């Protein structure tokens, strides 16, 4: 895994001192910067596995809920647009990570399952996410980690009312 340099990460996140003209929300700006950096590091960790950010979430749902899921169930679980998942699954199928098949019970529905190589990626994705967690939380003690998790949970609850 090629770890992004601090220079690359800062450039990717527009730097901590950079503020957009309408930067009236310092917490929202910080969340955007952190989310972008988190995605950059995740991309670097997943690259060696042949995955792009977000594709590991598809695999996690398949491993946890599978072995076969309807594509419509994945849309609901991931909270994304059907067209976005279709494109993601096309790419994952071309890379050999998943298979899509017609649902024998409903010809309009599509089933998704991990391929043999996709089924073998669980430990590697778990390692990548563990590394991402360690990198993200370095320097925070257990109490701070618990507080951060609770605070992010509250932010997620606050924002979830807007996602419907």
C-alpha atoms as a PDB file:
ATOM      1  CA  UNK A   1       0.000   0.000   0.000  1.00  0.00           C
ATOM      2  CA  UNK A   2       1.337   3.387  -0.941  1.00  0.00           C
ATOM      3  CA  UNK A   3       0.481   5.752   1.864  1.00  0.00           C
ATOM      4  CA  UNK A   4      -0.378   9.277   0.662  1.00  0.00           C
ATOM      5  CA  UNK A   5       2.174  11.841   1.755  1.00  0.00           C
ATOM      6  CA  UNK A   6       1.062  14.616   4.078  1.00  0.00           C
ATOM      7  CA  UNK A   7       1.515  16.957   1.126  1.00  0.00           C
ATOM      8  CA  UNK A   8      -0.827  14.874  -1.069  1.00  0.00           C
ATOM      9  CA  UNK A   9      -3.371  14.497   1.710  1.00  0.00           C
ATOM     10  CA  UNK A  10      -3.340  18.228   2.431  1.00  0.00           C
ATOM     11  CA  UNK A  11      -3.655  19.020  -1.263  1.00  0.00           C
ATOM     12  CA  UNK A  12      -6.535  16.542  -1.571  1.00  0.00           C
ATOM     13  CA  UNK A  13      -8.357  18.161   1.327  1.00  0.00           C
ATOM     14  CA  UNK A  14      -7.561  21.738   0.265  1.00  0.00           C
ATOM     15  CA  UNK A  15      -5.465  22.128   3.406  1.00  0.00           C
ATOM     16  CA  UNK A  16      -6.601  22.903   6.946  1.00  0.00           C
ATOM     17  CA  UNK A  17      -6.237  26.642   6.454  1.00  0.00           C
ATOM     18  CA  UNK A  18      -8.198  26.780   3.202  1.00  0.00           C
ATOM     19  CA  UNK A  19     -11.757  28.041   3.574  1.00  0.00           C
ATOM     20  CA  UNK A  20     -14.373  28.389   0.885  1.00  0.00           C
ATOM     21  CA  UNK A  21     -15.894  31.838   0.456  1.00  0.00           C
ATOM     22  CA  UNK A  22     -19.144  30.724   2.118  1.00  0.00           C
ATOM     23  CA  UNK A  23     -17.394  28.905   4.993  1.00  0.00           C
ATOM     24  CA  UNK A  24     -19.929  29.761   7.705  1.00  0.00           C
ATOM     25  CA  UNK A  25     -19.855  26.248   9.173  1.00  0.00           C
ATOM     26  CA  UNK A  26     -16.455  25.350  10.627  1.00  0.00           C
ATOM     27  CA  UNK A  27     -17.616  21.906  11.829  1.00  0.00           C
ATOM     28  CA  UNK A  28     -19.151  21.096   8.442  1.00  0.00           C
ATOM     29  CA  UNK A  29     -15.936  22.192   6.739  1.00  0.00           C
ATOM     30  CA  UNK A  30     -13.872  20.027   9.104  1.00  0.00           C
ATOM     31  CA  UNK A  31     -16.158  17.044   8.425  1.00  0.00           C
ATOM     32  CA  UNK A  32     -15.728  17.534   4.675  1.00  0.00           C
ATOM     33  CA  UNK A  33     -11.940  17.694   4.983  1.00  0.00           C
ATOM     34  CA  UNK A  34     -11.776  14.628   7.234  1.00  0.00           C
ATOM     35  CA  UNK A  35     -14.159  12.648   4.981  1.00  0.00           C
ATOM     36  CA  UNK A  36     -12.034  13.458   1.938  1.00  0.00           C
ATOM     37  CA  UNK A  37      -8.806  12.447   3.687  1.00  0.00           C
ATOM     38  CA  UNK A  38     -10.429   9.280   5.014  1.00  0.00           C
ATOM     39  CA  UNK A  39     -11.519   8.349   1.488  1.00  0.00           C
ATOM     40  CA  UNK A  40      -8.020   9.096   0.117  1.00  0.00           C
ATOM     41  CA  UNK A  41      -6.362   6.789   2.645  1.00  0.00           C
ATOM     42  CA  UNK A  42      -9.062   4.129   2.119  1.00  0.00           C
ATOM     43  CA  UNK A  43      -8.448   4.283  -1.637  1.00  0.00           C
ATOM     44  CA  UNK A  44      -4.724   3.743  -1.116  1.00  0.00           C
ATOM     45  CA  UNK A  45      -5.343   0.775   1.191  1.00  0.00           C
ATOM     46  CA  UNK A  46      -7.934  -0.826  -1.109  1.00  0.00           C
ATOM     47  CA  UNK A  47      -6.013  -0.264  -4.341  1.00  0.00           C
ATOM     48  CA  UNK A  48      -3.800  -3.319  -3.788  1.00  0.00           C
ATOM     49  CA  UNK A  49      -6.952  -5.443  -3.411  1.00  0.00           C
ATOM     50  CA  UNK A  50      -8.361  -4.221  -6.718  1.00  0.00           C
ATOM     51  CA  UNK A  51     -11.176  -2.341  -4.987  1.00  0.00           C
ATOM     52  CA  UNK A  52     -12.256   1.287  -5.039  1.00  0.00           C
ATOM     53  CA  UNK A  53     -13.756   3.089  -2.017  1.00  0.00           C
ATOM     54  CA  UNK A  54     -17.347   2.009  -1.554  1.00  0.00           C
ATOM     55  CA  UNK A  55     -16.851  -1.349  -3.236  1.00  0.00           C
ATOM     56  CA  UNK A  56     -15.637  -2.844   0.039  1.00  0.00           C
ATOM     57  CA  UNK A  57     -18.980  -1.855   1.571  1.00  0.00           C
ATOM     58  CA  UNK A  58     -20.781  -3.860  -1.119  1.00  0.00           C
ATOM     59  CA  UNK A  59     -18.562  -6.833  -0.312  1.00  0.00           C
ATOM     60  CA  UNK A  60     -19.141  -6.414   3.448  1.00  0.00           C
ATOM     61  CA  UNK A  61     -22.916  -6.559   2.946  1.00  0.00           C
ATOM     62  CA  UNK A  62     -22.577  -9.637   0.744  1.00  0.00           C
ATOM     63  CA  UNK A  63     -20.338 -11.386   3.286  1.00  0.00           C
ATOM     64  CA  UNK A  64     -22.600 -10.483   6.198  1.00  0.00           C
ATOM     65  CA  UNK A  65     -26.046 -10.920   4.625  1.00  0.00           C
ATOM     66  CA  UNK A  66     -25.279 -13.188   1.689  1.00  0.00           C
ATOM     67  CA  UNK A  67     -24.369 -15.451   0.121  1.00  0.00           C
ATOM     68  CA  UNK A  68     -26.799 -13.980  -2.431  1.00  0.00           C
ATOM     69  CA  UNK A  69     -28.626 -10.656  -2.191  1.00  0.00           C
ATOM     70  CA  UNK A  70     -31.046  -8.885  -4.462  1.00  0.00           C
ATOM     71  CA  UNK A  71     -29.569  -5.787  -6.027  1.00  0.00           C
ATOM     72  CA  UNK A  72     -32.548  -3.799  -4.689  1.00  0.00           C
ATOM     73  CA  UNK A  73     -31.669  -4.914  -1.140  1.00  0.00           C
ATOM     74  CA  UNK A  74     -28.108  -3.666  -1.615  1.00  0.00           C
ATOM     75  CA  UNK A  75     -29.461  -0.292  -2.782  1.00  0.00           C
ATOM     76  CA  UNK A  76     -31.485  -0.039   0.430  1.00  0.00           C
ATOM     77  CA  UNK A  77     -28.633  -1.236   2.680  1.00  0.00           C
ATOM     78  CA  UNK A  78     -26.093   1.133   1.162  1.00  0.00           C
ATOM     79  CA  UNK A  79     -28.464   4.088   0.853  1.00  0.00           C
ATOM     80  CA  UNK A  80     -27.390   4.902  -2.704  1.00  0.00           C
ATOM     81  CA  UNK A  81     -29.130   5.431  -6.015  1.00  0.00           C
ATOM     82  CA  UNK A  82     -29.906   2.302  -8.045  1.00  0.00           C
ATOM     83  CA  UNK A  83     -27.946   3.625 -11.032  1.00  0.00           C
ATOM     84  CA  UNK A  84     -24.884   4.195  -8.825  1.00  0.00           C
ATOM     85  CA  UNK A  85     -25.004   0.624  -7.550  1.00  0.00           C
ATOM     86  CA  UNK A  86     -25.539  -0.731 -11.068  1.00  0.00           C
ATOM     87  CA  UNK A  87     -22.371   1.027 -12.271  1.00  0.00           C
ATOM     88  CA  UNK A  88     -20.443  -0.116  -9.188  1.00  0.00           C
ATOM     89  CA  UNK A  89     -21.540  -3.727  -9.688  1.00  0.00           C
ATOM     90  CA  UNK A  90     -20.644  -3.597 -13.386  1.00  0.00           C
ATOM     91  CA  UNK A  91     -17.114  -2.546 -12.460  1.00  0.00           C
ATOM     92  CA  UNK A  92     -16.882  -5.140  -9.690  1.00  0.00           C
ATOM     93  CA  UNK A  93     -18.139  -7.853 -12.030  1.00  0.00           C
ATOM     94  CA  UNK A  94     -15.581  -6.882 -14.691  1.00  0.00           C
ATOM     95  CA  UNK A  95     -12.864  -7.060 -12.013  1.00  0.00           C
ATOM     96  CA  UNK A  96     -14.066 -10.528 -11.045  1.00  0.00           C
ATOM     97  CA  UNK A  97     -15.240  -9.704  -7.499  1.00  0.00           C
ATOM     98  CA  UNK A  98     -18.992 -10.404  -7.898  1.00  0.00           C
ATOM     99  CA  UNK A  99     -21.487 -12.176 -10.128  1.00  0.00           C
ATOM    100  CA  UNK A 100     -24.924 -10.885 -11.077  1.00  0.00           C
ATOM    101  CA  UNK A 101     -27.658 -13.346 -12.034  1.00  0.00           C
ATOM    102  CA  UNK A 102     -31.353 -13.143 -12.782  1.00  0.00           C
ATOM    103  CA  UNK A 103     -33.557 -14.006  -9.816  1.00  0.00           C
ATOM    104  CA  UNK A 104     -35.323 -17.291 -10.687  1.00  0.00           C
ATOM    105  CA  UNK A 105     -38.275 -16.236  -8.498  1.00  0.00           C
ATOM    106  CA  UNK A 106     -38.652 -12.839 -10.221  1.00  0.00           C
ATOM    107  CA  UNK A 107     -37.259 -12.310 -13.718  1.00  0.00           C
ATOM    108  CA  UNK A 108     -37.160  -8.523 -13.181  1.00  0.00           C
ATOM    109  CA  UNK A 109     -34.858  -8.772 -10.153  1.00  0.00           C
ATOM    110  CA  UNK A 110     -31.094  -9.236 -10.135  1.00  0.00           C
ATOM    111  CA  UNK A 111     -29.189 -11.297  -7.587  1.00  0.00           C
ATOM    112  CA  UNK A 112     -25.630 -10.454  -6.556  1.00  0.00           C
ATOM    113  CA  UNK A 113     -23.107 -12.838  -5.031  1.00  0.00           C
ATOM    114  CA  UNK A 114     -19.375 -12.728  -4.367  1.00  0.00           C
ATOM    115  CA  UNK A 115     -17.278 -14.579  -6.926  1.00  0.00           C
ATOM    116  CA  UNK A 116     -14.748 -17.108  -5.658  1.00  0.00           C
ATOM    117  CA  UNK A 117     -12.051 -14.412  -5.572  1.00  0.00           C
ATOM    118  CA  UNK A 118     -14.451 -11.945  -3.944  1.00  0.00           C
ATOM    119  CA  UNK A 119     -15.313 -14.455  -1.244  1.00  0.00           C
ATOM    120  CA  UNK A 120     -11.601 -14.781  -0.390  1.00  0.00           C
ATOM    121  CA  UNK A 121     -11.083 -11.038   0.183  1.00  0.00           C
ATOM    122  CA  UNK A 122     -12.698 -10.820   3.614  1.00  0.00           C
ATOM    123  CA  UNK A 123      -9.481 -11.023   5.655  1.00  0.00           C
ATOM    124  CA  UNK A 124      -7.696  -8.542   3.378  1.00  0.00           C
ATOM    125  CA  UNK A 125     -10.526  -5.998   3.529  1.00  0.00           C
ATOM    126  CA  UNK A 126     -10.691  -6.459   7.295  1.00  0.00           C
ATOM    127  CA  UNK A 127      -6.938  -5.730   7.518  1.00  0.00           C
ATOM    128  CA  UNK A 128      -7.316  -2.632   5.326  1.00  0.00           C
ATOM    129  CA  UNK A 129     -10.138  -1.305   7.511  1.00  0.00           C
ATOM    130  CA  UNK A 130      -8.175  -2.042  10.686  1.00  0.00           C
ATOM    131  CA  UNK A 131      -5.242  -0.068   9.292  1.00  0.00           C
ATOM    132  CA  UNK A 132      -7.580   2.757   8.287  1.00  0.00           C
ATOM    133  CA  UNK A 133      -8.995   2.802  11.828  1.00  0.00           C
ATOM    134  CA  UNK A 134      -5.501   2.858  13.385  1.00  0.00           C
ATOM    135  CA  UNK A 135      -4.332   5.663  11.093  1.00  0.00           C
ATOM    136  CA  UNK A 136      -7.506   7.674  11.641  1.00  0.00           C
ATOM    137  CA  UNK A 137      -7.456   7.429  15.433  1.00  0.00           C
ATOM    138  CA  UNK A 138      -3.714   7.590  16.116  1.00  0.00           C
ATOM    139  CA  UNK A 139      -3.046   9.806  19.124  1.00  0.00           C
ATOM    140  CA  UNK A 140      -6.526   9.399  20.611  1.00  0.00           C
ATOM    141  CA  UNK A 141      -6.898   7.464  23.846  1.00  0.00           C
ATOM    142  CA  UNK A 142      -9.771   5.015  24.438  1.00  0.00           C
ATOM    143  CA  UNK A 143     -11.976   7.644  26.115  1.00  0.00           C
ATOM    144  CA  UNK A 144     -11.490  10.066  23.223  1.00  0.00           C
ATOM    145  CA  UNK A 145     -12.260   7.303  20.724  1.00  0.00           C
ATOM    146  CA  UNK A 146     -15.499   6.472  22.550  1.00  0.00           C
ATOM    147  CA  UNK A 147     -16.433  10.168  22.707  1.00  0.00           C
ATOM    148  CA  UNK A 148     -15.723  10.623  18.993  1.00  0.00           C
ATOM    149  CA  UNK A 149     -17.836   7.596  18.139  1.00  0.00           C
ATOM    150  CA  UNK A 150     -20.721   8.902  20.266  1.00  0.00           C
ATOM    151  CA  UNK A 151     -20.482  12.397  18.783  1.00  0.00           C
ATOM    152  CA  UNK A 152     -20.368  11.082  15.211  1.00  0.00           C
ATOM    153  CA  UNK A 153     -23.366   8.891  16.023  1.00  0.00           C
ATOM    154  CA  UNK A 154     -25.297  11.967  17.129  1.00  0.00           C
ATOM    155  CA  UNK A 155     -24.295  13.870  13.969  1.00  0.00           C
ATOM    156  CA  UNK A 156     -25.435  10.896  11.879  1.00  0.00           C
ATOM    157  CA  UNK A 157     -28.768  10.803  13.728  1.00  0.00           C
ATOM    158  CA  UNK A 158     -29.224  14.543  13.189  1.00  0.00           C
ATOM    159  CA  UNK A 159     -28.496  14.287   9.465  1.00  0.00           C
ATOM    160  CA  UNK A 160     -30.439  11.067   8.830  1.00  0.00           C
ATOM    161  CA  UNK A 161     -33.719  12.996   8.919  1.00  0.00           C
ATOM    162  CA  UNK A 162     -32.647  14.730   5.690  1.00  0.00           C
ATOM    163  CA  UNK A 163     -31.776  11.572   3.762  1.00  0.00           C
ATOM    164  CA  UNK A 164     -35.357  10.521   3.017  1.00  0.00           C
END
